[in-house]
């Protein structure tokens, strides 16, 4: 690959399919995987109360 060429993103915000893909046993053996943590902020949920 040309090192001077601009790299394009491989994932976009909200690409759940990409993030939820499991690493293959071969990828795990090689250490070629990333642990992904999903964080969801539910503002205004059942436990939320406005300040008085």
Protein backbone atom coordinates (compact mmCIF):
# COMPACT_ATOMS: atom_id res chain seq x y z
CA UNK A 1 0.00 0.00 0.00
CA UNK A 2 1.23 3.48 -0.80
CA UNK A 3 2.19 5.04 2.55
CA UNK A 4 1.56 8.57 1.27
CA UNK A 5 -2.01 7.76 0.26
CA UNK A 6 -4.71 9.04 2.62
CA UNK A 7 -6.38 6.19 4.50
CA UNK A 8 -10.15 6.04 4.38
CA UNK A 9 -12.12 5.23 7.55
CA UNK A 10 -13.24 1.63 7.84
CA UNK A 11 -16.20 2.31 10.15
CA UNK A 12 -18.73 5.06 10.61
CA UNK A 13 -20.54 6.13 13.78
CA UNK A 14 -23.39 3.72 14.38
CA UNK A 15 -21.82 0.84 12.42
CA UNK A 16 -22.97 -1.77 14.93
CA UNK A 17 -22.38 -4.70 12.58
CA UNK A 18 -18.70 -3.79 12.36
CA UNK A 19 -18.30 -3.43 16.13
CA UNK A 20 -20.23 -6.60 16.96
CA UNK A 21 -18.20 -8.85 14.64
CA UNK A 22 -16.42 -11.57 16.61
CA UNK A 23 -12.72 -12.21 16.11
CA UNK A 24 -11.86 -15.56 14.57
CA UNK A 25 -9.76 -18.04 16.59
CA UNK A 26 -6.86 -17.31 14.20
CA UNK A 27 -7.14 -13.53 14.84
CA UNK A 28 -7.24 -14.13 18.60
CA UNK A 29 -4.19 -16.40 18.40
CA UNK A 30 -2.28 -13.66 16.52
CA UNK A 31 -3.52 -10.96 18.93
CA UNK A 32 -5.26 -9.20 16.05
CA UNK A 33 -8.43 -8.10 17.84
CA UNK A 34 -9.77 -5.22 19.90
CA UNK A 35 -12.08 -5.37 22.90
CA UNK A 36 -15.06 -3.12 22.19
CA UNK A 37 -17.16 -1.56 24.94
CA UNK A 38 -20.48 0.05 24.07
CA UNK A 39 -21.64 2.95 26.23
CA UNK A 40 -25.19 4.24 26.11
CA UNK A 41 -26.24 7.46 27.81
CA UNK A 42 -29.97 7.45 28.46
CA UNK A 43 -30.63 11.03 29.42
CA UNK A 44 -34.17 11.50 30.62
CA UNK A 45 -34.69 7.84 31.50
CA UNK A 46 -36.90 6.53 34.34
CA UNK A 47 -34.42 7.40 37.10
CA UNK A 48 -33.78 10.93 35.79
CA UNK A 49 -35.46 13.83 37.57
CA UNK A 50 -35.03 17.51 36.71
CA UNK A 51 -33.36 19.70 39.29
CA UNK A 52 -35.80 21.83 41.26
